[in-house]
Amino acid sequence: MKVSTMAEMMASGEQPEILFWVGCAGSFDQRAQKITKAFATILNKAGVKYAILGKEEACTGDPARRAGNEFMFQMMAYQNIQILNGYNIKKIVTTCPHCFNTLKNEYPVLGGNYDVIHHTQFLQELIEQGKIKFTDSNEWKGKSITYHDSCYLGRANEIYEAPRKVLESLDMELKEMKRCKSKGLCCGAGGAQMFKEEEKGEKRINTERAEEARATATDFVASACPFCNTMLSDGLKVAENKNDPAVLDIAEIIAQAIK
């Protein structure tokens, strides 16, 4: 895919509508790369003028701060803020709730003030504006799905409706898990837990959450976070049930349905 970087756009005297913040998972994790490509495909088809930082993008510092390394977090944050302010960035869209929360709520104190939007919110906007049109043979129509609330999207930022409205726009049957929205259960990767071994306990959190997803007896599980996607996929593999639902990011679902 040909995706313009900010450096290339600035060199040609252009300014994008949005900066797409890809994030570490979306850049390096093979599974999350598919989410990145799906969202870029949607932006291209919707005619959105966007750019990425490319090699100038560094980790937001979220895992470092959650793990207790405040010094490393501030170093990373200041480096990113210098680059973003240098390009005069105003609006950022990201597919990762961890990046979203850090850029939106933690960068302003350090001098990084931006309009930060999660990709599910942006998808809802594009659908409502008529920039995203679905094919007549919408393969998702009538299929059942459950949605897992990411902690940083849900409880931390109270974004519950946007992802659900995007799914409902496809005429999918949305079945909620027992614990959802403000009472949702963490996938087990938040707070830098993604990068460390779990402590002793009776059951892994992602296994418990996967069981709750399985109990809805839906065709698919939708997530809106690369960490949640990995944890739920791994949790479902524990039982090795062939009838288990596939875990997909909302961007992947929309990318397959648009004209």
C-alpha atoms as a PDB file:
ATOM      1  CA  MET A   1       0.000   0.000   0.000  1.00  0.00           C
ATOM      2  CA  LYS A   2       1.178   3.531  -0.727  1.00  0.00           C
ATOM      3  CA  VAL A   3       0.701   5.607   2.402  1.00  0.00           C
ATOM      4  CA  SER A   4       2.139   9.097   2.585  1.00  0.00           C
ATOM      5  CA  THR A   5       4.311  10.131   5.518  1.00  0.00           C
ATOM      6  CA  MET A   6       4.091  13.581   7.092  1.00  0.00           C
ATOM      7  CA  ALA A   7       7.577  14.353   5.798  1.00  0.00           C
ATOM      8  CA  GLU A   8       6.478  13.582   2.214  1.00  0.00           C
ATOM      9  CA  MET A   9       3.303  15.663   2.552  1.00  0.00           C
ATOM     10  CA  MET A  10       5.111  18.645   4.029  1.00  0.00           C
ATOM     11  CA  ALA A  11       7.733  18.449   1.255  1.00  0.00           C
ATOM     12  CA  SER A  12       4.948  18.778  -1.329  1.00  0.00           C
ATOM     13  CA  GLY A  13       3.298  21.620   0.608  1.00  0.00           C
ATOM     14  CA  GLU A  14       0.259  19.610   1.683  1.00  0.00           C
ATOM     15  CA  GLN A  15      -1.429  19.150   5.046  1.00  0.00           C
ATOM     16  CA  PRO A  16      -3.500  16.006   5.828  1.00  0.00           C
ATOM     17  CA  GLU A  17      -6.992  16.020   7.355  1.00  0.00           C
ATOM     18  CA  ILE A  18      -5.805  13.551   9.978  1.00  0.00           C
ATOM     19  CA  LEU A  19      -2.620  11.940  11.206  1.00  0.00           C
ATOM     20  CA  PHE A  20      -3.067   8.175  11.495  1.00  0.00           C
ATOM     21  CA  TRP A  21      -1.125   7.111  14.599  1.00  0.00           C
ATOM     22  CA  VAL A  22      -0.270   3.470  13.853  1.00  0.00           C
ATOM     23  CA  GLY A  23       1.209   2.466  17.224  1.00  0.00           C
ATOM     24  CA  CYS A  24       3.697  -0.275  18.105  1.00  0.00           C
ATOM     25  CA  ALA A  25       1.256  -3.192  17.804  1.00  0.00           C
ATOM     26  CA  GLY A  26      -0.089  -1.938  14.475  1.00  0.00           C
ATOM     27  CA  SER A  27       3.452  -1.536  13.164  1.00  0.00           C
ATOM     28  CA  PHE A  28       5.216  -4.680  14.367  1.00  0.00           C
ATOM     29  CA  ASP A  29       2.679  -7.324  15.411  1.00  0.00           C
ATOM     30  CA  GLN A  30       1.697  -9.478  12.411  1.00  0.00           C
ATOM     31  CA  ARG A  31      -1.922  -9.835  13.547  1.00  0.00           C
ATOM     32  CA  ALA A  32      -2.312  -6.118  14.310  1.00  0.00           C
ATOM     33  CA  GLN A  33      -0.753  -5.198  10.943  1.00  0.00           C
ATOM     34  CA  LYS A  34      -3.928  -6.578   9.333  1.00  0.00           C
ATOM     35  CA  ILE A  35      -5.968  -4.090  11.380  1.00  0.00           C
ATOM     36  CA  THR A  36      -3.680  -1.265  10.247  1.00  0.00           C
ATOM     37  CA  LYS A  37      -4.095  -2.274   6.594  1.00  0.00           C
ATOM     38  CA  ALA A  38      -7.878  -2.590   6.982  1.00  0.00           C
ATOM     39  CA  PHE A  39      -8.182   0.909   8.451  1.00  0.00           C
ATOM     40  CA  ALA A  40      -5.887   2.390   5.774  1.00  0.00           C
ATOM     41  CA  THR A  41      -8.071   0.690   3.121  1.00  0.00           C
ATOM     42  CA  ILE A  42     -11.175   2.322   4.617  1.00  0.00           C
ATOM     43  CA  LEU A  43      -9.514   5.758   4.685  1.00  0.00           C
ATOM     44  CA  ASN A  44      -8.504   5.378   1.025  1.00  0.00           C
ATOM     45  CA  LYS A  45     -11.989   4.301  -0.090  1.00  0.00           C
ATOM     46  CA  ALA A  46     -13.647   7.052   1.961  1.00  0.00           C
ATOM     47  CA  GLY A  47     -11.408   9.661   0.320  1.00  0.00           C
ATOM     48  CA  VAL A  48      -9.821  10.830   3.574  1.00  0.00           C
ATOM     49  CA  LYS A  49      -6.561  12.715   3.168  1.00  0.00           C
ATOM     50  CA  TYR A  50      -4.260  11.248   5.807  1.00  0.00           C
ATOM     51  CA  ALA A  51      -0.619  10.636   6.608  1.00  0.00           C
ATOM     52  CA  ILE A  52       1.494   8.649   9.061  1.00  0.00           C
ATOM     53  CA  LEU A  53       4.741   9.574  10.793  1.00  0.00           C
ATOM     54  CA  GLY A  54       6.466   6.411   9.572  1.00  0.00           C
ATOM     55  CA  LYS A  55       9.910   5.994  11.080  1.00  0.00           C
ATOM     56  CA  GLU A  56       9.477   9.235  13.025  1.00  0.00           C
ATOM     57  CA  GLU A  57       6.748   7.641  15.155  1.00  0.00           C
ATOM     58  CA  ALA A  58       7.969   6.252  18.496  1.00  0.00           C
ATOM     59  CA  CYS A  59       6.036   4.374  21.182  1.00  0.00           C
ATOM     60  CA  THR A  60       3.736   6.736  23.130  1.00  0.00           C
ATOM     61  CA  GLY A  61       5.342   5.473  26.336  1.00  0.00           C
ATOM     62  CA  ASP A  62       2.147   3.907  27.692  1.00  0.00           C
ATOM     63  CA  PRO A  63       3.703   0.513  28.639  1.00  0.00           C
ATOM     64  CA  ALA A  64       6.688   2.244  30.275  1.00  0.00           C
ATOM     65  CA  ARG A  65       4.464   4.440  32.461  1.00  0.00           C
ATOM     66  CA  ARG A  66       2.134   1.564  33.401  1.00  0.00           C
ATOM     67  CA  ALA A  67       5.142  -0.538  34.370  1.00  0.00           C
ATOM     68  CA  GLY A  68       6.416   2.283  36.583  1.00  0.00           C
ATOM     69  CA  ASN A  69       9.203   3.770  34.460  1.00  0.00           C
ATOM     70  CA  GLU A  70       8.103   7.407  34.499  1.00  0.00           C
ATOM     71  CA  PHE A  71      11.479   8.671  33.260  1.00  0.00           C
ATOM     72  CA  MET A  72      11.303   6.583  30.080  1.00  0.00           C
ATOM     73  CA  PHE A  73       7.670   7.602  29.524  1.00  0.00           C
ATOM     74  CA  GLN A  74       8.522  11.305  29.654  1.00  0.00           C
ATOM     75  CA  MET A  75      11.513  10.864  27.327  1.00  0.00           C
ATOM     76  CA  MET A  76       9.324   9.103  24.737  1.00  0.00           C
ATOM     77  CA  ALA A  77       6.476  11.576  25.154  1.00  0.00           C
ATOM     78  CA  TYR A  78       8.659  14.670  24.726  1.00  0.00           C
ATOM     79  CA  GLN A  79      10.252  13.171  21.610  1.00  0.00           C
ATOM     80  CA  ASN A  80       6.827  12.508  20.055  1.00  0.00           C
ATOM     81  CA  ILE A  81       5.441  15.909  21.070  1.00  0.00           C
ATOM     82  CA  GLN A  82       8.387  17.696  19.441  1.00  0.00           C
ATOM     83  CA  ILE A  83       7.743  15.871  16.171  1.00  0.00           C
ATOM     84  CA  LEU A  84       3.951  16.349  16.276  1.00  0.00           C
ATOM     85  CA  ASN A  85       4.227  20.057  17.115  1.00  0.00           C
ATOM     86  CA  GLY A  86       6.906  20.465  14.451  1.00  0.00           C
ATOM     87  CA  TYR A  87       4.416  19.261  11.840  1.00  0.00           C
ATOM     88  CA  ASN A  88       1.653  21.384  13.400  1.00  0.00           C
ATOM     89  CA  ILE A  89      -0.556  18.316  13.894  1.00  0.00           C
ATOM     90  CA  LYS A  90      -4.098  19.103  15.050  1.00  0.00           C
ATOM     91  CA  LYS A  91      -6.095  15.873  14.624  1.00  0.00           C
ATOM     92  CA  ILE A  92      -4.929  12.316  15.360  1.00  0.00           C
ATOM     93  CA  VAL A  93      -6.799   9.045  14.767  1.00  0.00           C
ATOM     94  CA  THR A  94      -5.495   5.785  16.206  1.00  0.00           C
ATOM     95  CA  THR A  95      -6.627   2.146  16.193  1.00  0.00           C
ATOM     96  CA  CYS A  96      -5.131   1.511  19.661  1.00  0.00           C
ATOM     97  CA  PRO A  97      -6.991   2.592  22.834  1.00  0.00           C
ATOM     98  CA  HIS A  98      -3.696   2.637  24.760  1.00  0.00           C
ATOM     99  CA  CYS A  99      -2.215   5.169  22.321  1.00  0.00           C
ATOM    100  CA  PHE A 100      -5.564   7.007  22.266  1.00  0.00           C
ATOM    101  CA  ASN A 101      -5.711   7.393  26.047  1.00  0.00           C
ATOM    102  CA  THR A 102      -2.070   8.472  26.366  1.00  0.00           C
ATOM    103  CA  LEU A 103      -2.160  10.989  23.504  1.00  0.00           C
ATOM    104  CA  LYS A 104      -5.532  12.411  24.568  1.00  0.00           C
ATOM    105  CA  ASN A 105      -5.234  12.523  28.349  1.00  0.00           C
ATOM    106  CA  GLU A 106      -1.548  12.432  29.260  1.00  0.00           C
ATOM    107  CA  TYR A 107       0.261  14.409  26.553  1.00  0.00           C
ATOM    108  CA  PRO A 108      -1.467  17.800  27.184  1.00  0.00           C
ATOM    109  CA  VAL A 109       0.365  18.197  30.527  1.00  0.00           C
ATOM    110  CA  LEU A 110       3.650  17.871  28.637  1.00  0.00           C
ATOM    111  CA  GLY A 111       2.712  20.351  25.902  1.00  0.00           C
ATOM    112  CA  GLY A 112       1.037  18.051  23.384  1.00  0.00           C
ATOM    113  CA  ASN A 113      -2.506  19.298  22.733  1.00  0.00           C
ATOM    114  CA  TYR A 114      -4.325  17.472  19.928  1.00  0.00           C
ATOM    115  CA  ASP A 115      -7.819  16.439  18.921  1.00  0.00           C
ATOM    116  CA  VAL A 116      -7.436  12.669  19.428  1.00  0.00           C
ATOM    117  CA  ILE A 117     -10.083  10.270  18.098  1.00  0.00           C
ATOM    118  CA  HIS A 118     -10.322   6.501  18.283  1.00  0.00           C
ATOM    119  CA  HIS A 119     -10.887   4.746  14.961  1.00  0.00           C
ATOM    120  CA  THR A 120     -14.348   3.480  15.994  1.00  0.00           C
ATOM    121  CA  GLN A 121     -15.455   7.083  16.580  1.00  0.00           C
ATOM    122  CA  PHE A 122     -13.996   8.129  13.235  1.00  0.00           C
ATOM    123  CA  LEU A 123     -15.714   5.218  11.462  1.00  0.00           C
ATOM    124  CA  GLN A 124     -19.029   6.251  13.007  1.00  0.00           C
ATOM    125  CA  GLU A 125     -18.489   9.808  11.715  1.00  0.00           C
ATOM    126  CA  LEU A 126     -17.681   8.578   8.189  1.00  0.00           C
ATOM    127  CA  ILE A 127     -20.775   6.331   8.129  1.00  0.00           C
ATOM    128  CA  GLU A 128     -23.048   9.145   9.340  1.00  0.00           C
ATOM    129  CA  GLN A 129     -21.564  11.526   6.750  1.00  0.00           C
ATOM    130  CA  GLY A 130     -22.234   8.990   3.991  1.00  0.00           C
ATOM    131  CA  LYS A 131     -18.531   8.655   3.134  1.00  0.00           C
ATOM    132  CA  ILE A 132     -18.651   4.928   3.839  1.00  0.00           C
ATOM    133  CA  LYS A 133     -21.132   3.007   1.710  1.00  0.00           C
ATOM    134  CA  PHE A 134     -21.694  -0.721   2.063  1.00  0.00           C
ATOM    135  CA  THR A 135     -21.966  -3.236  -0.746  1.00  0.00           C
ATOM    136  CA  ASP A 136     -25.410  -4.620  -1.636  1.00  0.00           C
ATOM    137  CA  SER A 137     -24.189  -8.119  -0.823  1.00  0.00           C
ATOM    138  CA  ASN A 138     -23.257  -7.198   2.747  1.00  0.00           C
ATOM    139  CA  GLU A 139     -21.910 -10.521   4.014  1.00  0.00           C
ATOM    140  CA  TRP A 140     -22.279  -9.442   7.653  1.00  0.00           C
ATOM    141  CA  LYS A 141     -26.027  -8.796   7.469  1.00  0.00           C
ATOM    142  CA  GLY A 142     -27.916 -11.008   9.898  1.00  0.00           C
ATOM    143  CA  LYS A 143     -24.740 -12.448  11.443  1.00  0.00           C
ATOM    144  CA  SER A 144     -24.496 -12.396  15.233  1.00  0.00           C
ATOM    145  CA  ILE A 145     -21.648 -10.669  17.037  1.00  0.00           C
ATOM    146  CA  THR A 146     -20.555  -9.738  20.545  1.00  0.00           C
ATOM    147  CA  TYR A 147     -18.378  -6.733  21.336  1.00  0.00           C
ATOM    148  CA  HIS A 148     -15.615  -6.638  23.951  1.00  0.00           C
ATOM    149  CA  ASP A 149     -15.114  -3.248  25.618  1.00  0.00           C
ATOM    150  CA  SER A 150     -11.466  -2.246  25.852  1.00  0.00           C
ATOM    151  CA  CYS A 151     -10.674  -0.796  29.313  1.00  0.00           C
ATOM    152  CA  TYR A 152      -8.986   2.296  27.909  1.00  0.00           C
ATOM    153  CA  LEU A 153     -11.810   2.933  25.478  1.00  0.00           C
ATOM    154  CA  GLY A 154     -14.687   2.047  27.798  1.00  0.00           C
ATOM    155  CA  ARG A 155     -14.190   2.705  31.483  1.00  0.00           C
ATOM    156  CA  ALA A 156     -11.266   5.125  31.033  1.00  0.00           C
ATOM    157  CA  ASN A 157     -12.889   7.294  28.333  1.00  0.00           C
ATOM    158  CA  GLU A 158     -16.570   6.231  28.377  1.00  0.00           C
ATOM    159  CA  ILE A 159     -16.698   5.387  24.669  1.00  0.00           C
ATOM    160  CA  TYR A 160     -19.359   2.686  24.522  1.00  0.00           C
ATOM    161  CA  GLU A 161     -21.776   3.696  21.771  1.00  0.00           C
ATOM    162  CA  ALA A 162     -19.510   4.417  18.766  1.00  0.00           C
ATOM    163  CA  PRO A 163     -18.252   0.839  18.242  1.00  0.00           C
ATOM    164  CA  ARG A 164     -21.730  -0.595  18.759  1.00  0.00           C
ATOM    165  CA  LYS A 165     -23.335   1.858  16.316  1.00  0.00           C
ATOM    166  CA  VAL A 166     -20.737   0.975  13.684  1.00  0.00           C
ATOM    167  CA  LEU A 167     -21.596  -2.732  14.033  1.00  0.00           C
ATOM    168  CA  GLU A 168     -25.339  -2.049  14.030  1.00  0.00           C
ATOM    169  CA  SER A 169     -24.972  -0.049  10.797  1.00  0.00           C
ATOM    170  CA  LEU A 170     -24.119  -3.388   9.137  1.00  0.00           C
ATOM    171  CA  ASP A 171     -27.421  -4.902  10.327  1.00  0.00           C
ATOM    172  CA  MET A 172     -25.574  -7.328  12.559  1.00  0.00           C
ATOM    173  CA  GLU A 173     -27.266  -8.847  15.591  1.00  0.00           C
ATOM    174  CA  LEU A 174     -25.364  -7.557  18.618  1.00  0.00           C
ATOM    175  CA  LYS A 175     -25.439  -9.828  21.676  1.00  0.00           C
ATOM    176  CA  GLU A 176     -23.859  -8.453  24.826  1.00  0.00           C
ATOM    177  CA  MET A 177     -21.668 -10.455  27.182  1.00  0.00           C
ATOM    178  CA  LYS A 178     -22.747 -10.751  30.801  1.00  0.00           C
ATOM    179  CA  ARG A 179     -20.097  -8.200  31.793  1.00  0.00           C
ATOM    180  CA  CYS A 180     -20.103  -5.293  29.355  1.00  0.00           C
ATOM    181  CA  LYS A 181     -19.832  -1.510  29.083  1.00  0.00           C
ATOM    182  CA  SER A 182     -18.967   0.053  32.483  1.00  0.00           C
ATOM    183  CA  LYS A 183     -18.981  -3.420  34.047  1.00  0.00           C
ATOM    184  CA  GLY A 184     -16.812  -4.972  31.324  1.00  0.00           C
ATOM    185  CA  LEU A 185     -13.974  -7.355  32.166  1.00  0.00           C
ATOM    186  CA  CYS A 186     -10.375  -6.563  31.214  1.00  0.00           C
ATOM    187  CA  CYS A 187      -8.800  -8.877  28.614  1.00  0.00           C
ATOM    188  CA  GLY A 188      -5.775  -9.221  30.896  1.00  0.00           C
ATOM    189  CA  ALA A 189      -3.263  -7.138  28.901  1.00  0.00           C
ATOM    190  CA  GLY A 190      -3.773  -3.659  30.375  1.00  0.00           C
ATOM    191  CA  GLY A 191      -1.364  -1.949  32.741  1.00  0.00           C
ATOM    192  CA  ALA A 192       1.674  -3.365  30.877  1.00  0.00           C
ATOM    193  CA  GLN A 193       0.528  -6.916  31.764  1.00  0.00           C
ATOM    194  CA  MET A 194       0.865  -7.706  28.039  1.00  0.00           C
ATOM    195  CA  PHE A 195       4.633  -7.740  28.478  1.00  0.00           C
ATOM    196  CA  LYS A 196       5.099  -9.767  31.654  1.00  0.00           C
ATOM    197  CA  GLU A 197       4.326 -13.201  33.011  1.00  0.00           C
ATOM    198  CA  GLU A 198       1.113 -13.455  34.984  1.00  0.00           C
ATOM    199  CA  GLU A 199       1.148 -13.975  38.743  1.00  0.00           C
ATOM    200  CA  LYS A 200      -0.117 -17.200  40.286  1.00  0.00           C
ATOM    201  CA  GLY A 201      -3.869 -17.626  40.284  1.00  0.00           C
ATOM    202  CA  GLU A 202      -6.672 -20.030  39.517  1.00  0.00           C
ATOM    203  CA  LYS A 203      -7.360 -18.891  35.955  1.00  0.00           C
ATOM    204  CA  ARG A 204      -6.005 -16.528  33.327  1.00  0.00           C
ATOM    205  CA  ILE A 205      -8.157 -13.424  32.801  1.00  0.00           C
ATOM    206  CA  ASN A 206      -8.195 -13.822  29.024  1.00  0.00           C
ATOM    207  CA  THR A 207      -9.454 -17.411  29.389  1.00  0.00           C
ATOM    208  CA  GLU A 208     -12.338 -16.224  31.562  1.00  0.00           C
ATOM    209  CA  ARG A 209     -13.198 -13.434  29.144  1.00  0.00           C
ATOM    210  CA  ALA A 210     -13.030 -15.844  26.194  1.00  0.00           C
ATOM    211  CA  GLU A 211     -15.488 -18.142  27.978  1.00  0.00           C
ATOM    212  CA  GLU A 212     -17.896 -15.214  28.398  1.00  0.00           C
ATOM    213  CA  ALA A 213     -17.584 -14.445  24.681  1.00  0.00           C
ATOM    214  CA  ARG A 214     -18.154 -18.101  23.795  1.00  0.00           C
ATOM    215  CA  ALA A 215     -21.281 -18.179  26.009  1.00  0.00           C
ATOM    216  CA  THR A 216     -23.009 -15.636  23.727  1.00  0.00           C
ATOM    217  CA  ALA A 217     -22.965 -18.280  20.946  1.00  0.00           C
ATOM    218  CA  THR A 218     -22.281 -15.605  18.325  1.00  0.00           C
ATOM    219  CA  ASP A 219     -20.568 -15.956  14.939  1.00  0.00           C
ATOM    220  CA  PHE A 220     -17.932 -13.315  15.708  1.00  0.00           C
ATOM    221  CA  VAL A 221     -16.262 -11.415  18.532  1.00  0.00           C
ATOM    222  CA  ALA A 222     -15.488  -7.771  17.762  1.00  0.00           C
ATOM    223  CA  SER A 223     -12.685  -5.886  19.455  1.00  0.00           C
ATOM    224  CA  ALA A 224     -11.336  -2.380  18.969  1.00  0.00           C
ATOM    225  CA  CYS A 225      -7.874  -2.843  20.475  1.00  0.00           C
ATOM    226  CA  PRO A 226      -4.890  -4.872  19.207  1.00  0.00           C
ATOM    227  CA  PHE A 227      -4.064  -6.075  22.744  1.00  0.00           C
ATOM    228  CA  CYS A 228      -7.646  -7.251  23.355  1.00  0.00           C
ATOM    229  CA  ASN A 229      -7.630  -8.966  19.966  1.00  0.00           C
ATOM    230  CA  THR A 230      -4.545 -11.008  20.876  1.00  0.00           C
ATOM    231  CA  MET A 231      -5.747 -11.898  24.370  1.00  0.00           C
ATOM    232  CA  LEU A 232      -9.235 -12.978  23.251  1.00  0.00           C
ATOM    233  CA  SER A 233      -7.839 -15.009  20.335  1.00  0.00           C
ATOM    234  CA  ASP A 234      -5.415 -16.781  22.675  1.00  0.00           C
ATOM    235  CA  GLY A 235      -8.147 -17.321  25.266  1.00  0.00           C
ATOM    236  CA  LEU A 236     -10.426 -19.007  22.735  1.00  0.00           C
ATOM    237  CA  LYS A 237      -7.609 -21.301  21.571  1.00  0.00           C
ATOM    238  CA  VAL A 238      -7.345 -22.852  25.061  1.00  0.00           C
ATOM    239  CA  ALA A 239     -10.475 -24.968  24.516  1.00  0.00           C
ATOM    240  CA  GLU A 240      -9.666 -25.690  20.845  1.00  0.00           C
ATOM    241  CA  ASN A 241     -13.326 -25.653  19.878  1.00  0.00           C
ATOM    242  CA  LYS A 242     -13.800 -25.623  16.079  1.00  0.00           C
ATOM    243  CA  ASN A 243     -17.105 -23.772  16.457  1.00  0.00           C
ATOM    244  CA  ASP A 244     -15.556 -20.863  18.342  1.00  0.00           C
ATOM    245  CA  PRO A 245     -16.232 -17.362  16.960  1.00  0.00           C
ATOM    246  CA  ALA A 246     -13.509 -15.539  15.021  1.00  0.00           C
ATOM    247  CA  VAL A 247     -12.045 -12.446  16.710  1.00  0.00           C
ATOM    248  CA  LEU A 248     -11.970  -9.420  14.394  1.00  0.00           C
ATOM    249  CA  ASP A 249     -11.287  -5.732  14.792  1.00  0.00           C
ATOM    250  CA  ILE A 250     -14.179  -3.459  13.836  1.00  0.00           C
ATOM    251  CA  ALA A 251     -11.990  -1.937  11.089  1.00  0.00           C
ATOM    252  CA  GLU A 252     -11.533  -5.393   9.508  1.00  0.00           C
ATOM    253  CA  ILE A 253     -15.289  -5.952   9.480  1.00  0.00           C
ATOM    254  CA  ILE A 254     -16.007  -2.574   7.860  1.00  0.00           C
ATOM    255  CA  ALA A 255     -13.166  -2.976   5.318  1.00  0.00           C
ATOM    256  CA  GLN A 256     -14.796  -6.161   4.023  1.00  0.00           C
ATOM    257  CA  ALA A 257     -18.224  -4.536   3.701  1.00  0.00           C
ATOM    258  CA  ILE A 258     -17.503  -1.247   1.930  1.00  0.00           C
ATOM    259  CA  LYS A 259     -17.796  -0.528  -1.768  1.00  0.00           C
END
